[in-house]
Every structure is written in C-alpha cells, then in structure tokens.
Amino acid sequence: MSDDRGEAQELRVVPVRHPGRWVAAAGIAVLAAMLVHTLIENPRFEWHLVGDNLFTHHTVVGLGHTLELTFIAMAIGIGGGVILAVMRLSPNPIVSSASSAYIWFFRGTPVYVQIIFWFNLSALFPRLSIGIPFGPEIMHGSANTIITTFTAAILALGLNEAAYMAEIVRAGIVSVDEGQTEAASALGLTRSQTMRRIVLPQAMRVVVPPTGNETISMLKTTALVSVISYTELLQSVKDVYVSNYQTIPLLIAASLWYLFMTSVLTVGQFYLERYFGRGSSASQPPPTLPQRLFRALRYNRPHLPRNREAAV
C-alpha cells in the first residue's frame, strides 16, 4: 500500500451548467419588463380612475354581496356534498341511485342555465306551498315573492356546487383504508358513528385541497348571477360604466378585488392543508412561505469543500 493513500487529495469541483434555465429566465424577464412597461406607459388604462373606483359605495356593496354569495353557496355545497357522498356509497341501491341521479343532472347542465331557471321558476310553478304530500297545505305563497334574485342565485350556486362536492367528498372517503372501518365495526361503532368519528376526519386530508379550489372557483362563478341583475361585484361596476363609459378602469378595479380575495383564500387553503396534514406519515406538511425563502437562501450558498481525504 502506497504511503500517499492517506494523504488529502485536492478535488476540483465544477458546478453543473444549466444554460436552458438562464435562457428561460431571461425570456421571462424580458416579457415581464414589456408587460410592466405597457401597464405604466399606456394612458388608456387610466389608473387614476381605477384607484377612484376601488372603494366607491357601489363597488364595496357589490364586494359584500359577492362574499355573501360565495360563503352561503359553499356552505350549502359542502353540506349537501357530504350527504350526497354518503348516499352514493350507501349499500341501499335506491339511495345510491338517487344520489347518482342528482349528481348526473346538476353536473350535466350549465350553472348559467340553472341560475336563469331558478329565477324564472314562477313560469313553471306560480304558487309554492309546503305541506303533507298529497294532503293539506301548511304554508303557501307566490313564487315571485319567495324566489327573489338572491334566493335564485343561492339555490343555483349551492345546489350545483353540492354535486361537485359530493364527488370530492366521495374520493376522500374512499381514500381512507378499509381497515379503519373494519376496526371501528369490531369496536361496536355504528355506520354513522364510524363515518363521523373515523372516516370523515381522515378524509379531510384529501378533501381540503379540492374544496379550497372549489371555493376560489365559486368566488368567480358568482359573477354569473349578473345575468339576473343581482348586484354582486361585476354587476355593481357594470351599473356604473354603462352610465359613465369608464368600462376598462371599472373592470380593472373589479379584477383587482377578485385577485385580492383569491389570494386571501389561497393563503387560508394553504394553512388548512398544513393543519389537516399534520398526522400524515407519508409526507410532511408543506413549508410556509417564510420557511421556503429561508431554505432557498440557506441552500443556495456555496458549501463546496476544497479537498477531502481519499478512501483507504
């Protein structure tokens, strides 16, 4: 064995070159610079009018109505989706078929058409009543009085969302290992107790990400109720620009509000995913934005050894 095997041998460390990354980054930087230049230099954007219309009474009222529609419709959708998902997985063929038919119908027709349908329900049923089936009526009233623009919007958005949430919740329930259900049954828990205490809490890890996506989608879908002249955010700015012809500035103001609300919901979804992913052994909760920035700064610093000892 030679004597120099234990001596330190200097190694030349050459970093891997990534020319494609630099070219892509340069292209994106140029496009971003062009976009910023256009936004600043084009006077037709009329940014001063955008700022003037961000916090006007009409805009704030429409913003409040949009948030109200979003959260009420999502509450109906989530509640109905859980019920429909449990029905879909029921061993009773009639219950399962009824859930499947509901999902088929509401997913198969556009929500735009459903909004118009509910708003014009009085053409089909001029008088609505509640009572014993094929028996006496307890309450009744005119459909035009009961189905207002707000009610029509909530019914259309909420019932349509329930069909989509049913499939999301069903996927979450199916993702839970069957051994959990068998163990709960062995302990004497009923099917409803097993669903509430064992299955649904574990299914939340799968349900939360698409539910957050559906909430963000619902926020923007509320713009469709402008077809029945309900004064949500888009309809509010539309009522203003049809009179003053400031179409682009008002649409930009509405878009900025949508972007802001979507960003808030995205952050909320991120922390909900972290919360429900705490018990997962397969993957760690995703890092927060400050943690990602810290890790990027930490691991991007060069830590290349100048030499190392040769193996004996």
C-alpha atoms as a PDB file:
ATOM      1  CA  MET A   1       0.000   0.000   0.000  1.00  0.00           C
ATOM      2  CA  SER A   2       1.450   3.316  -1.013  1.00  0.00           C
ATOM      3  CA  ASP A   3       2.047   5.931   1.614  1.00  0.00           C
ATOM      4  CA  ASP A   4       0.150   8.651  -0.185  1.00  0.00           C
ATOM      5  CA  ARG A   5      -3.234   6.924   0.040  1.00  0.00           C
ATOM      6  CA  GLY A   6      -3.972   8.582   3.339  1.00  0.00           C
ATOM      7  CA  GLU A   7      -2.950  11.972   2.103  1.00  0.00           C
ATOM      8  CA  ALA A   8      -5.547  14.552   1.196  1.00  0.00           C
ATOM      9  CA  GLN A   9      -6.116  14.839  -2.491  1.00  0.00           C
ATOM     10  CA  GLU A  10      -7.385  18.123  -3.789  1.00  0.00           C
ATOM     11  CA  LEU A  11     -10.528  17.813  -5.869  1.00  0.00           C
ATOM     12  CA  ARG A  12     -11.702  20.332  -8.384  1.00  0.00           C
ATOM     13  CA  VAL A  13     -15.468  20.856  -8.010  1.00  0.00           C
ATOM     14  CA  VAL A  14     -17.153  22.109 -11.160  1.00  0.00           C
ATOM     15  CA  PRO A  15     -20.808  23.209 -10.808  1.00  0.00           C
ATOM     16  CA  VAL A  16     -23.297  21.790 -13.282  1.00  0.00           C
ATOM     17  CA  ARG A  17     -24.172  24.236 -16.032  1.00  0.00           C
ATOM     18  CA  HIS A  18     -27.831  24.915 -16.852  1.00  0.00           C
ATOM     19  CA  PRO A  19     -27.897  27.177 -19.923  1.00  0.00           C
ATOM     20  CA  GLY A  20     -31.555  26.386 -20.615  1.00  0.00           C
ATOM     21  CA  ARG A  21     -32.564  27.803 -17.255  1.00  0.00           C
ATOM     22  CA  TRP A  22     -30.745  31.041 -17.907  1.00  0.00           C
ATOM     23  CA  VAL A  23     -32.319  31.392 -21.352  1.00  0.00           C
ATOM     24  CA  ALA A  24     -35.813  30.733 -19.933  1.00  0.00           C
ATOM     25  CA  ALA A  25     -35.235  33.184 -17.071  1.00  0.00           C
ATOM     26  CA  ALA A  26     -34.008  35.856 -19.496  1.00  0.00           C
ATOM     27  CA  GLY A  27     -37.045  35.358 -21.733  1.00  0.00           C
ATOM     28  CA  ILE A  28     -39.450  35.615 -18.810  1.00  0.00           C
ATOM     29  CA  ALA A  29     -37.649  38.721 -17.529  1.00  0.00           C
ATOM     30  CA  VAL A  30     -37.985  40.409 -20.931  1.00  0.00           C
ATOM     31  CA  LEU A  31     -41.685  39.578 -21.166  1.00  0.00           C
ATOM     32  CA  ALA A  32     -42.260  40.817 -17.605  1.00  0.00           C
ATOM     33  CA  ALA A  33     -40.454  44.066 -18.389  1.00  0.00           C
ATOM     34  CA  MET A  34     -42.570  44.546 -21.512  1.00  0.00           C
ATOM     35  CA  LEU A  35     -45.757  43.945 -19.514  1.00  0.00           C
ATOM     36  CA  VAL A  36     -44.772  46.421 -16.788  1.00  0.00           C
ATOM     37  CA  HIS A  37     -43.801  48.992 -19.413  1.00  0.00           C
ATOM     38  CA  THR A  38     -47.191  48.620 -21.121  1.00  0.00           C
ATOM     39  CA  LEU A  39     -49.100  48.907 -17.858  1.00  0.00           C
ATOM     40  CA  ILE A  40     -47.236  52.084 -16.917  1.00  0.00           C
ATOM     41  CA  GLU A  41     -46.911  53.839 -20.259  1.00  0.00           C
ATOM     42  CA  ASN A  42     -50.302  53.104 -21.840  1.00  0.00           C
ATOM     43  CA  PRO A  43     -52.552  56.031 -20.819  1.00  0.00           C
ATOM     44  CA  ARG A  44     -55.710  54.157 -21.819  1.00  0.00           C
ATOM     45  CA  PHE A  45     -55.545  52.072 -18.650  1.00  0.00           C
ATOM     46  CA  GLU A  46     -56.415  55.259 -16.725  1.00  0.00           C
ATOM     47  CA  TRP A  47     -55.014  54.054 -13.420  1.00  0.00           C
ATOM     48  CA  HIS A  48     -56.201  57.170 -11.613  1.00  0.00           C
ATOM     49  CA  LEU A  49     -59.794  56.189 -12.422  1.00  0.00           C
ATOM     50  CA  VAL A  50     -59.098  52.634 -11.260  1.00  0.00           C
ATOM     51  CA  GLY A  51     -57.984  53.978  -7.888  1.00  0.00           C
ATOM     52  CA  ASP A  52     -61.000  56.271  -7.678  1.00  0.00           C
ATOM     53  CA  ASN A  53     -63.412  53.352  -8.210  1.00  0.00           C
ATOM     54  CA  LEU A  54     -61.821  50.780  -5.915  1.00  0.00           C
ATOM     55  CA  PHE A  55     -63.594  51.927  -2.755  1.00  0.00           C
ATOM     56  CA  THR A  56     -66.751  53.595  -4.034  1.00  0.00           C
ATOM     57  CA  HIS A  57     -70.092  52.727  -2.461  1.00  0.00           C
ATOM     58  CA  HIS A  58     -71.240  50.651  -5.448  1.00  0.00           C
ATOM     59  CA  THR A  59     -68.026  48.636  -5.528  1.00  0.00           C
ATOM     60  CA  VAL A  60     -67.968  47.922  -1.786  1.00  0.00           C
ATOM     61  CA  VAL A  61     -71.645  46.882  -1.763  1.00  0.00           C
ATOM     62  CA  GLY A  62     -71.078  44.554  -4.700  1.00  0.00           C
ATOM     63  CA  LEU A  63     -67.991  43.132  -2.989  1.00  0.00           C
ATOM     64  CA  GLY A  64     -70.014  42.349   0.127  1.00  0.00           C
ATOM     65  CA  HIS A  65     -72.713  40.623  -1.921  1.00  0.00           C
ATOM     66  CA  THR A  66     -70.077  38.548  -3.728  1.00  0.00           C
ATOM     67  CA  LEU A  67     -68.584  37.340  -0.445  1.00  0.00           C
ATOM     68  CA  GLU A  68     -72.055  36.619   0.924  1.00  0.00           C
ATOM     69  CA  LEU A  69     -72.988  34.548  -2.118  1.00  0.00           C
ATOM     70  CA  THR A  70     -69.674  32.683  -2.028  1.00  0.00           C
ATOM     71  CA  PHE A  71     -69.803  31.565   1.582  1.00  0.00           C
ATOM     72  CA  ILE A  72     -73.525  30.720   1.694  1.00  0.00           C
ATOM     73  CA  ALA A  73     -73.340  28.774  -1.572  1.00  0.00           C
ATOM     74  CA  MET A  74     -70.227  26.911  -0.383  1.00  0.00           C
ATOM     75  CA  ALA A  75     -71.884  26.082   2.940  1.00  0.00           C
ATOM     76  CA  ILE A  76     -74.840  24.590   1.061  1.00  0.00           C
ATOM     77  CA  GLY A  77     -72.487  22.841  -1.345  1.00  0.00           C
ATOM     78  CA  ILE A  78     -70.281  21.307   1.345  1.00  0.00           C
ATOM     79  CA  GLY A  79     -73.217  20.188   3.498  1.00  0.00           C
ATOM     80  CA  GLY A  80     -75.098  18.788   0.539  1.00  0.00           C
ATOM     81  CA  GLY A  81     -71.949  17.218  -0.868  1.00  0.00           C
ATOM     82  CA  VAL A  82     -71.268  15.276   2.331  1.00  0.00           C
ATOM     83  CA  ILE A  83     -74.853  13.972   2.398  1.00  0.00           C
ATOM     84  CA  LEU A  84     -74.773  13.041  -1.288  1.00  0.00           C
ATOM     85  CA  ALA A  85     -71.394  11.318  -0.957  1.00  0.00           C
ATOM     86  CA  VAL A  86     -72.610   9.185   1.959  1.00  0.00           C
ATOM     87  CA  MET A  87     -75.761   8.377  -0.014  1.00  0.00           C
ATOM     88  CA  ARG A  88     -73.691   7.457  -3.072  1.00  0.00           C
ATOM     89  CA  LEU A  89     -71.693   4.960  -1.002  1.00  0.00           C
ATOM     90  CA  SER A  90     -74.803   3.520   0.671  1.00  0.00           C
ATOM     91  CA  PRO A  91     -75.456  -0.215   0.179  1.00  0.00           C
ATOM     92  CA  ASN A  92     -79.103   0.675  -0.452  1.00  0.00           C
ATOM     93  CA  PRO A  93     -79.483   0.792  -4.266  1.00  0.00           C
ATOM     94  CA  ILE A  94     -82.379   3.274  -4.179  1.00  0.00           C
ATOM     95  CA  VAL A  95     -80.472   5.764  -2.016  1.00  0.00           C
ATOM     96  CA  SER A  96     -77.314   5.345  -4.088  1.00  0.00           C
ATOM     97  CA  SER A  97     -79.230   5.750  -7.364  1.00  0.00           C
ATOM     98  CA  ALA A  98     -80.962   8.905  -6.129  1.00  0.00           C
ATOM     99  CA  SER A  99     -77.584  10.467  -5.283  1.00  0.00           C
ATOM    100  CA  SER A 100     -76.128   9.446  -8.644  1.00  0.00           C
ATOM    101  CA  ALA A 101     -79.114  10.938 -10.488  1.00  0.00           C
ATOM    102  CA  TYR A 102     -78.737  14.249  -8.626  1.00  0.00           C
ATOM    103  CA  ILE A 103     -75.026  14.437  -9.412  1.00  0.00           C
ATOM    104  CA  TRP A 104     -75.645  13.489 -13.050  1.00  0.00           C
ATOM    105  CA  PHE A 105     -78.258  16.197 -13.546  1.00  0.00           C
ATOM    106  CA  PHE A 106     -76.554  19.134 -11.831  1.00  0.00           C
ATOM    107  CA  ARG A 107     -73.130  18.371 -13.296  1.00  0.00           C
ATOM    108  CA  GLY A 108     -74.642  17.838 -16.724  1.00  0.00           C
ATOM    109  CA  THR A 109     -76.354  21.237 -17.048  1.00  0.00           C
ATOM    110  CA  PRO A 110     -74.543  24.620 -17.076  1.00  0.00           C
ATOM    111  CA  VAL A 111     -74.770  26.654 -13.897  1.00  0.00           C
ATOM    112  CA  TYR A 112     -75.626  29.667 -16.080  1.00  0.00           C
ATOM    113  CA  VAL A 113     -78.787  27.877 -17.248  1.00  0.00           C
ATOM    114  CA  GLN A 114     -79.610  26.828 -13.675  1.00  0.00           C
ATOM    115  CA  ILE A 115     -79.428  30.450 -12.498  1.00  0.00           C
ATOM    116  CA  ILE A 116     -81.885  31.546 -15.193  1.00  0.00           C
ATOM    117  CA  PHE A 117     -84.124  28.553 -14.477  1.00  0.00           C
ATOM    118  CA  TRP A 118     -84.439  29.279 -10.757  1.00  0.00           C
ATOM    119  CA  PHE A 119     -85.054  32.962 -11.438  1.00  0.00           C
ATOM    120  CA  ASN A 120     -87.934  32.049 -13.780  1.00  0.00           C
ATOM    121  CA  LEU A 121     -89.342  29.261 -11.610  1.00  0.00           C
ATOM    122  CA  SER A 122     -92.659  31.123 -11.335  1.00  0.00           C
ATOM    123  CA  ALA A 123     -93.320  30.381 -15.018  1.00  0.00           C
ATOM    124  CA  LEU A 124     -93.445  26.685 -14.097  1.00  0.00           C
ATOM    125  CA  PHE A 125     -94.810  26.909 -10.539  1.00  0.00           C
ATOM    126  CA  PRO A 126     -96.647  30.222  -9.969  1.00  0.00           C
ATOM    127  CA  ARG A 127     -97.569  29.149  -6.454  1.00  0.00           C
ATOM    128  CA  LEU A 128     -95.299  27.353  -3.983  1.00  0.00           C
ATOM    129  CA  SER A 129     -96.543  25.505  -0.913  1.00  0.00           C
ATOM    130  CA  ILE A 130     -95.319  23.339   1.970  1.00  0.00           C
ATOM    131  CA  GLY A 131     -97.480  20.617   3.444  1.00  0.00           C
ATOM    132  CA  ILE A 132     -98.162  16.912   3.763  1.00  0.00           C
ATOM    133  CA  PRO A 133     -97.589  15.049   0.474  1.00  0.00           C
ATOM    134  CA  PHE A 134    -100.954  14.594  -1.287  1.00  0.00           C
ATOM    135  CA  GLY A 135    -102.553  16.209   1.771  1.00  0.00           C
ATOM    136  CA  PRO A 136    -103.353  19.638   3.235  1.00  0.00           C
ATOM    137  CA  GLU A 137    -101.059  22.642   2.786  1.00  0.00           C
ATOM    138  CA  ILE A 138     -99.331  24.234   5.768  1.00  0.00           C
ATOM    139  CA  MET A 139     -97.765  27.274   4.087  1.00  0.00           C
ATOM    140  CA  HIS A 140     -98.036  28.712   0.603  1.00  0.00           C
ATOM    141  CA  GLY A 141     -97.118  31.840  -1.313  1.00  0.00           C
ATOM    142  CA  SER A 142     -96.355  33.352  -4.687  1.00  0.00           C
ATOM    143  CA  ALA A 143     -93.192  32.053  -6.370  1.00  0.00           C
ATOM    144  CA  ASN A 144     -92.260  35.583  -7.429  1.00  0.00           C
ATOM    145  CA  THR A 145     -92.283  36.645  -3.778  1.00  0.00           C
ATOM    146  CA  ILE A 146     -90.382  33.622  -2.455  1.00  0.00           C
ATOM    147  CA  ILE A 147     -87.802  33.208  -5.229  1.00  0.00           C
ATOM    148  CA  THR A 148     -86.052  36.577  -5.226  1.00  0.00           C
ATOM    149  CA  THR A 149     -82.875  37.267  -7.190  1.00  0.00           C
ATOM    150  CA  PHE A 150     -80.810  36.461  -4.106  1.00  0.00           C
ATOM    151  CA  THR A 151     -82.698  33.210  -3.450  1.00  0.00           C
ATOM    152  CA  ALA A 152     -82.395  32.159  -7.087  1.00  0.00           C
ATOM    153  CA  ALA A 153     -78.653  32.837  -7.046  1.00  0.00           C
ATOM    154  CA  ILE A 154     -78.130  30.896  -3.807  1.00  0.00           C
ATOM    155  CA  LEU A 155     -80.207  27.915  -4.951  1.00  0.00           C
ATOM    156  CA  ALA A 156     -78.459  27.695  -8.313  1.00  0.00           C
ATOM    157  CA  LEU A 157     -74.920  28.086  -6.976  1.00  0.00           C
ATOM    158  CA  GLY A 158     -75.389  25.990  -3.835  1.00  0.00           C
ATOM    159  CA  LEU A 159     -77.230  23.045  -5.391  1.00  0.00           C
ATOM    160  CA  ASN A 160     -74.851  22.938  -8.332  1.00  0.00           C
ATOM    161  CA  GLU A 161     -71.818  23.027  -6.031  1.00  0.00           C
ATOM    162  CA  ALA A 162     -73.237  20.159  -3.947  1.00  0.00           C
ATOM    163  CA  ALA A 163     -72.957  17.853  -6.969  1.00  0.00           C
ATOM    164  CA  TYR A 164     -69.250  18.616  -7.394  1.00  0.00           C
ATOM    165  CA  MET A 165     -68.510  18.477  -3.665  1.00  0.00           C
ATOM    166  CA  ALA A 166     -70.203  15.064  -3.497  1.00  0.00           C
ATOM    167  CA  GLU A 167     -67.554  13.604  -5.800  1.00  0.00           C
ATOM    168  CA  ILE A 168     -64.760  15.328  -3.866  1.00  0.00           C
ATOM    169  CA  VAL A 169     -66.013  14.004  -0.524  1.00  0.00           C
ATOM    170  CA  ARG A 170     -66.587  10.546  -2.008  1.00  0.00           C
ATOM    171  CA  ALA A 171     -62.979  10.468  -3.202  1.00  0.00           C
ATOM    172  CA  GLY A 172     -61.833  11.436   0.293  1.00  0.00           C
ATOM    173  CA  ILE A 173     -63.952   8.730   1.928  1.00  0.00           C
ATOM    174  CA  VAL A 174     -62.722   6.060  -0.482  1.00  0.00           C
ATOM    175  CA  SER A 175     -59.104   7.072   0.199  1.00  0.00           C
ATOM    176  CA  VAL A 176     -59.405   6.005   3.855  1.00  0.00           C
ATOM    177  CA  ASP A 177     -58.137   2.470   4.369  1.00  0.00           C
ATOM    178  CA  GLU A 178     -60.911  -0.095   4.775  1.00  0.00           C
ATOM    179  CA  GLY A 179     -59.142  -1.462   7.827  1.00  0.00           C
ATOM    180  CA  GLN A 180     -60.194   1.669   9.702  1.00  0.00           C
ATOM    181  CA  THR A 181     -63.867   0.876   9.068  1.00  0.00           C
ATOM    182  CA  GLU A 182     -63.403  -2.785   9.978  1.00  0.00           C
ATOM    183  CA  ALA A 183     -61.655  -1.853  13.230  1.00  0.00           C
ATOM    184  CA  ALA A 184     -64.433   0.588  14.126  1.00  0.00           C
ATOM    185  CA  SER A 185     -67.039  -2.080  13.409  1.00  0.00           C
ATOM    186  CA  ALA A 186     -65.163  -4.526  15.624  1.00  0.00           C
ATOM    187  CA  LEU A 187     -65.274  -1.965  18.434  1.00  0.00           C
ATOM    188  CA  GLY A 188     -69.063  -1.771  18.132  1.00  0.00           C
ATOM    189  CA  LEU A 189     -69.395   1.598  16.379  1.00  0.00           C
ATOM    190  CA  THR A 190     -72.374   2.054  14.107  1.00  0.00           C
ATOM    191  CA  ARG A 191     -72.003   3.060  10.452  1.00  0.00           C
ATOM    192  CA  SER A 192     -72.907   6.700  11.194  1.00  0.00           C
ATOM    193  CA  GLN A 193     -70.514   6.838  14.175  1.00  0.00           C
ATOM    194  CA  THR A 194     -67.728   5.360  12.063  1.00  0.00           C
ATOM    195  CA  MET A 195     -68.356   7.908   9.341  1.00  0.00           C
ATOM    196  CA  ARG A 196     -68.399  10.892  11.733  1.00  0.00           C
ATOM    197  CA  ARG A 197     -65.570   9.918  14.062  1.00  0.00           C
ATOM    198  CA  ILE A 198     -63.218   7.793  11.957  1.00  0.00           C
ATOM    199  CA  VAL A 199     -63.641   8.202   8.210  1.00  0.00           C
ATOM    200  CA  LEU A 200     -64.519  11.868   7.650  1.00  0.00           C
ATOM    201  CA  PRO A 201     -61.715  13.305   9.858  1.00  0.00           C
ATOM    202  CA  GLN A 202     -59.136  11.247   7.948  1.00  0.00           C
ATOM    203  CA  ALA A 203     -60.731  12.056   4.592  1.00  0.00           C
ATOM    204  CA  MET A 204     -60.229  15.773   5.209  1.00  0.00           C
ATOM    205  CA  ARG A 205     -56.592  15.477   4.105  1.00  0.00           C
ATOM    206  CA  VAL A 206     -57.824  14.571   0.630  1.00  0.00           C
ATOM    207  CA  VAL A 207     -60.943  16.761   0.661  1.00  0.00           C
ATOM    208  CA  VAL A 208     -59.429  20.106   1.713  1.00  0.00           C
ATOM    209  CA  PRO A 209     -57.248  20.904  -1.362  1.00  0.00           C
ATOM    210  CA  PRO A 210     -60.011  20.488  -3.990  1.00  0.00           C
ATOM    211  CA  THR A 211     -62.523  22.156  -1.667  1.00  0.00           C
ATOM    212  CA  GLY A 212     -60.281  25.209  -1.474  1.00  0.00           C
ATOM    213  CA  ASN A 213     -60.078  25.175  -5.253  1.00  0.00           C
ATOM    214  CA  GLU A 214     -63.889  24.979  -5.474  1.00  0.00           C
ATOM    215  CA  THR A 215     -64.223  27.933  -3.082  1.00  0.00           C
ATOM    216  CA  ILE A 216     -61.944  30.055  -5.246  1.00  0.00           C
ATOM    217  CA  SER A 217     -63.881  28.951  -8.315  1.00  0.00           C
ATOM    218  CA  MET A 218     -67.171  29.800  -6.606  1.00  0.00           C
ATOM    219  CA  LEU A 219     -65.898  33.306  -5.834  1.00  0.00           C
ATOM    220  CA  LYS A 220     -65.535  33.930  -9.557  1.00  0.00           C
ATOM    221  CA  THR A 221     -68.633  31.964 -10.564  1.00  0.00           C
ATOM    222  CA  THR A 222     -70.780  34.418  -8.597  1.00  0.00           C
ATOM    223  CA  ALA A 223     -70.196  36.846 -11.475  1.00  0.00           C
ATOM    224  CA  LEU A 224     -72.669  34.767 -13.499  1.00  0.00           C
ATOM    225  CA  VAL A 225     -75.595  35.918 -11.357  1.00  0.00           C
ATOM    226  CA  SER A 226     -75.298  39.287 -13.059  1.00  0.00           C
ATOM    227  CA  VAL A 227     -77.500  37.691 -15.734  1.00  0.00           C
ATOM    228  CA  ILE A 228     -80.456  38.066 -13.341  1.00  0.00           C
ATOM    229  CA  SER A 229     -79.307  41.592 -12.337  1.00  0.00           C
ATOM    230  CA  TYR A 230     -78.228  40.696  -8.813  1.00  0.00           C
ATOM    231  CA  THR A 231     -75.832  43.402  -7.641  1.00  0.00           C
ATOM    232  CA  GLU A 232     -72.694  41.409  -6.926  1.00  0.00           C
ATOM    233  CA  LEU A 233     -69.272  42.882  -7.730  1.00  0.00           C
ATOM    234  CA  LEU A 234     -69.414  42.597 -11.529  1.00  0.00           C
ATOM    235  CA  GLN A 235     -72.978  43.862 -11.767  1.00  0.00           C
ATOM    236  CA  SER A 236     -72.117  46.797  -9.481  1.00  0.00           C
ATOM    237  CA  VAL A 237     -69.300  48.031 -11.707  1.00  0.00           C
ATOM    238  CA  LYS A 238     -71.397  47.321 -14.794  1.00  0.00           C
ATOM    239  CA  ASP A 239     -74.165  49.597 -13.484  1.00  0.00           C
ATOM    240  CA  VAL A 240     -71.602  52.375 -13.202  1.00  0.00           C
ATOM    241  CA  TYR A 241     -69.755  52.022 -16.503  1.00  0.00           C
ATOM    242  CA  VAL A 242     -72.960  51.873 -18.582  1.00  0.00           C
ATOM    243  CA  SER A 243     -73.579  55.439 -17.462  1.00  0.00           C
ATOM    244  CA  ASN A 244     -70.082  56.975 -17.407  1.00  0.00           C
ATOM    245  CA  TYR A 245     -68.476  54.763 -20.138  1.00  0.00           C
ATOM    246  CA  GLN A 246     -65.364  54.084 -17.994  1.00  0.00           C
ATOM    247  CA  THR A 247     -65.514  50.406 -18.924  1.00  0.00           C
ATOM    248  CA  ILE A 248     -61.838  49.408 -18.714  1.00  0.00           C
ATOM    249  CA  PRO A 249     -60.978  51.181 -15.427  1.00  0.00           C
ATOM    250  CA  LEU A 250     -64.031  49.735 -13.690  1.00  0.00           C
ATOM    251  CA  LEU A 251     -63.365  46.217 -14.974  1.00  0.00           C
ATOM    252  CA  ILE A 252     -59.755  46.512 -13.783  1.00  0.00           C
ATOM    253  CA  ALA A 253     -60.980  47.637 -10.351  1.00  0.00           C
ATOM    254  CA  ALA A 254     -63.274  44.598 -10.146  1.00  0.00           C
ATOM    255  CA  SER A 255     -60.455  42.309 -11.301  1.00  0.00           C
ATOM    256  CA  LEU A 256     -58.125  43.671  -8.603  1.00  0.00           C
ATOM    257  CA  TRP A 257     -60.727  42.863  -5.953  1.00  0.00           C
ATOM    258  CA  TYR A 258     -61.134  39.326  -7.346  1.00  0.00           C
ATOM    259  CA  LEU A 259     -57.356  38.855  -7.298  1.00  0.00           C
ATOM    260  CA  PHE A 260     -57.143  40.105  -3.717  1.00  0.00           C
ATOM    261  CA  MET A 261     -59.921  37.825  -2.454  1.00  0.00           C
ATOM    262  CA  THR A 262     -58.495  34.852  -4.345  1.00  0.00           C
ATOM    263  CA  SER A 263     -55.080  35.478  -2.758  1.00  0.00           C
ATOM    264  CA  VAL A 264     -56.601  35.543   0.733  1.00  0.00           C
ATOM    265  CA  LEU A 265     -58.456  32.287   0.095  1.00  0.00           C
ATOM    266  CA  THR A 266     -55.275  30.700  -1.278  1.00  0.00           C
ATOM    267  CA  VAL A 267     -53.378  31.536   1.913  1.00  0.00           C
ATOM    268  CA  GLY A 268     -56.242  30.157   4.011  1.00  0.00           C
ATOM    269  CA  GLN A 269     -56.272  26.958   1.982  1.00  0.00           C
ATOM    270  CA  PHE A 270     -52.511  26.571   2.481  1.00  0.00           C
ATOM    271  CA  TYR A 271     -52.769  26.666   6.272  1.00  0.00           C
ATOM    272  CA  LEU A 272     -55.805  24.379   6.289  1.00  0.00           C
ATOM    273  CA  GLU A 273     -53.798  21.828   4.328  1.00  0.00           C
ATOM    274  CA  ARG A 274     -50.981  22.117   6.871  1.00  0.00           C
ATOM    275  CA  TYR A 275     -53.435  21.626   9.738  1.00  0.00           C
ATOM    276  CA  PHE A 276     -55.116  18.509   8.352  1.00  0.00           C
ATOM    277  CA  GLY A 277     -51.809  17.103   7.073  1.00  0.00           C
ATOM    278  CA  ARG A 278     -50.140  17.044  10.481  1.00  0.00           C
ATOM    279  CA  GLY A 279     -50.823  13.379  11.157  1.00  0.00           C
ATOM    280  CA  SER A 280     -49.677  12.170   7.761  1.00  0.00           C
ATOM    281  CA  SER A 281     -46.712   9.808   7.910  1.00  0.00           C
ATOM    282  CA  ALA A 282     -46.368   9.693   4.126  1.00  0.00           C
ATOM    283  CA  SER A 283     -45.483  13.367   3.738  1.00  0.00           C
ATOM    284  CA  GLN A 284     -44.609  16.325   5.878  1.00  0.00           C
ATOM    285  CA  PRO A 285     -46.819  19.445   5.866  1.00  0.00           C
ATOM    286  CA  PRO A 286     -45.775  21.872   3.120  1.00  0.00           C
ATOM    287  CA  PRO A 287     -43.440  24.651   4.335  1.00  0.00           C
ATOM    288  CA  THR A 288     -44.740  28.167   4.775  1.00  0.00           C
ATOM    289  CA  LEU A 289     -43.573  30.986   2.508  1.00  0.00           C
ATOM    290  CA  PRO A 290     -41.032  32.343   5.069  1.00  0.00           C
ATOM    291  CA  GLN A 291     -39.667  28.816   5.546  1.00  0.00           C
ATOM    292  CA  ARG A 292     -39.272  28.344   1.798  1.00  0.00           C
ATOM    293  CA  LEU A 293     -37.462  31.676   1.462  1.00  0.00           C
ATOM    294  CA  PHE A 294     -35.147  30.808   4.360  1.00  0.00           C
ATOM    295  CA  ARG A 295     -34.335  27.399   2.902  1.00  0.00           C
ATOM    296  CA  ALA A 296     -33.693  28.893  -0.532  1.00  0.00           C
ATOM    297  CA  LEU A 297     -31.247  31.405   0.929  1.00  0.00           C
ATOM    298  CA  ARG A 298     -29.633  28.756   3.098  1.00  0.00           C
ATOM    299  CA  TYR A 299     -29.126  26.056   0.479  1.00  0.00           C
ATOM    300  CA  ASN A 300     -28.164  28.378  -2.345  1.00  0.00           C
ATOM    301  CA  ARG A 301     -24.997  29.448  -0.544  1.00  0.00           C
ATOM    302  CA  PRO A 302     -21.911  27.579  -1.797  1.00  0.00           C
ATOM    303  CA  HIS A 303     -20.585  24.937   0.581  1.00  0.00           C
ATOM    304  CA  LEU A 304     -18.069  23.232  -1.691  1.00  0.00           C
ATOM    305  CA  PRO A 305     -15.148  21.508   0.080  1.00  0.00           C
ATOM    306  CA  ARG A 306     -11.724  22.355  -1.240  1.00  0.00           C
ATOM    307  CA  ASN A 307     -10.389  18.904  -0.570  1.00  0.00           C
ATOM    308  CA  ARG A 308     -11.248  15.643   1.052  1.00  0.00           C
ATOM    309  CA  GLU A 309      -9.359  12.618   2.244  1.00  0.00           C
ATOM    310  CA  ALA A 310      -9.025   9.714  -0.153  1.00  0.00           C
ATOM    311  CA  ALA A 311     -10.555   6.428   0.875  1.00  0.00           C
ATOM    312  CA  VAL A 312      -8.110   3.866   2.158  1.00  0.00           C
END
